[in-house]
Amino acid sequence: MFDEKPLSCDEVVSRHRKFKETTNASSPVLQKPDE
């Protein structure tokens, strides 16, 4: 899923969050409240 060297936990989380935000922005229908 990620290229090259293993990422630290923080990097994985931030990348995943950024990806999730991008996906949600593109597809508002798929948005779910996290809280």
N, C-alpha and C. Protein backbone atom coordinates (compact mmCIF):
# COMPACT_ATOMS: atom_id res chain seq x y z
N MET A 1 0.84 -1.20 0.00
CA MET A 1 0.00 0.00 0.00
C MET A 1 0.87 1.25 0.00
N PHE A 2 1.92 1.24 0.82
CA PHE A 2 2.85 2.37 0.85
C PHE A 2 4.14 1.96 0.16
N ASP A 3 4.80 2.92 -0.45
CA ASP A 3 6.00 2.57 -1.20
C ASP A 3 7.24 2.64 -0.32
N GLU A 4 8.21 1.79 -0.68
CA GLU A 4 9.54 1.81 -0.09
C GLU A 4 9.56 1.54 1.40
N LYS A 5 10.35 2.32 2.14
CA LYS A 5 10.66 2.02 3.54
C LYS A 5 9.41 2.04 4.42
N PRO A 6 9.42 1.25 5.49
CA PRO A 6 8.31 1.25 6.44
C PRO A 6 8.16 2.61 7.09
N LEU A 7 6.94 2.99 7.32
CA LEU A 7 6.66 4.30 7.92
C LEU A 7 6.47 4.14 9.42
N SER A 8 6.72 5.22 10.13
CA SER A 8 6.42 5.21 11.55
C SER A 8 4.91 5.23 11.75
N CYS A 9 4.48 4.89 12.94
CA CYS A 9 3.05 4.83 13.22
C CYS A 9 2.38 6.17 12.92
N ASP A 10 3.03 7.25 13.34
CA ASP A 10 2.45 8.58 13.13
C ASP A 10 2.29 8.88 11.65
N GLU A 11 3.29 8.48 10.87
CA GLU A 11 3.22 8.74 9.43
C GLU A 11 2.06 7.97 8.80
N VAL A 12 1.91 6.72 9.21
CA VAL A 12 0.82 5.90 8.68
C VAL A 12 -0.53 6.53 9.03
N VAL A 13 -0.67 6.94 10.27
CA VAL A 13 -1.93 7.53 10.71
C VAL A 13 -2.23 8.81 9.95
N SER A 14 -1.22 9.67 9.83
CA SER A 14 -1.45 10.95 9.15
C SER A 14 -1.75 10.73 7.68
N ARG A 15 -1.05 9.78 7.05
CA ARG A 15 -1.32 9.48 5.64
C ARG A 15 -2.72 8.94 5.47
N HIS A 16 -3.10 8.03 6.36
CA HIS A 16 -4.43 7.42 6.28
C HIS A 16 -5.50 8.48 6.48
N ARG A 17 -5.27 9.38 7.45
CA ARG A 17 -6.24 10.44 7.72
C ARG A 17 -6.36 11.35 6.52
N LYS A 18 -5.22 11.69 5.92
CA LYS A 18 -5.22 12.58 4.74
C LYS A 18 -5.96 11.90 3.59
N PHE A 19 -5.69 10.61 3.41
CA PHE A 19 -6.36 9.85 2.35
C PHE A 19 -7.86 9.81 2.60
N LYS A 20 -8.24 9.59 3.84
CA LYS A 20 -9.64 9.51 4.20
C LYS A 20 -10.34 10.84 3.95
N GLU A 21 -9.67 11.93 4.33
CA GLU A 21 -10.26 13.25 4.10
C GLU A 21 -10.42 13.52 2.62
N THR A 22 -9.42 13.13 1.83
CA THR A 22 -9.49 13.32 0.39
C THR A 22 -10.65 12.52 -0.19
N THR A 23 -10.77 11.27 0.26
CA THR A 23 -11.85 10.41 -0.24
C THR A 23 -13.21 10.99 0.13
N ASN A 24 -13.33 11.45 1.37
CA ASN A 24 -14.60 12.01 1.82
C ASN A 24 -14.93 13.28 1.05
N ALA A 25 -13.92 14.08 0.76
CA ALA A 25 -14.15 15.32 0.02
C ALA A 25 -14.64 15.00 -1.38
N SER A 26 -14.11 13.93 -1.96
CA SER A 26 -14.52 13.56 -3.32
C SER A 26 -15.89 12.88 -3.31
N SER A 27 -16.20 12.16 -2.24
CA SER A 27 -17.45 11.42 -2.18
C SER A 27 -18.20 11.73 -0.89
N PRO A 28 -18.87 12.86 -0.84
CA PRO A 28 -19.57 13.27 0.39
C PRO A 28 -20.60 12.24 0.85
N VAL A 29 -21.12 11.47 -0.10
CA VAL A 29 -22.15 10.48 0.23
C VAL A 29 -21.59 9.42 1.18
N LEU A 30 -20.29 9.15 1.06
CA LEU A 30 -19.68 8.09 1.85
C LEU A 30 -19.25 8.58 3.23
N GLN A 31 -19.43 9.86 3.49
CA GLN A 31 -19.00 10.40 4.77
C GLN A 31 -19.75 9.78 5.93
N LYS A 32 -19.00 9.44 6.98
CA LYS A 32 -19.63 8.96 8.20
C LYS A 32 -19.04 9.74 9.37
N PRO A 33 -19.84 10.14 10.31
CA PRO A 33 -19.31 10.82 11.50
C PRO A 33 -18.43 9.86 12.31
N ASP A 34 -17.26 10.32 12.69
CA ASP A 34 -16.34 9.47 13.43
C ASP A 34 -16.64 9.47 14.92
N GLU A 35 -17.36 10.49 15.38
CA GLU A 35 -17.51 10.65 16.82
C GLU A 35 -18.84 10.11 17.32
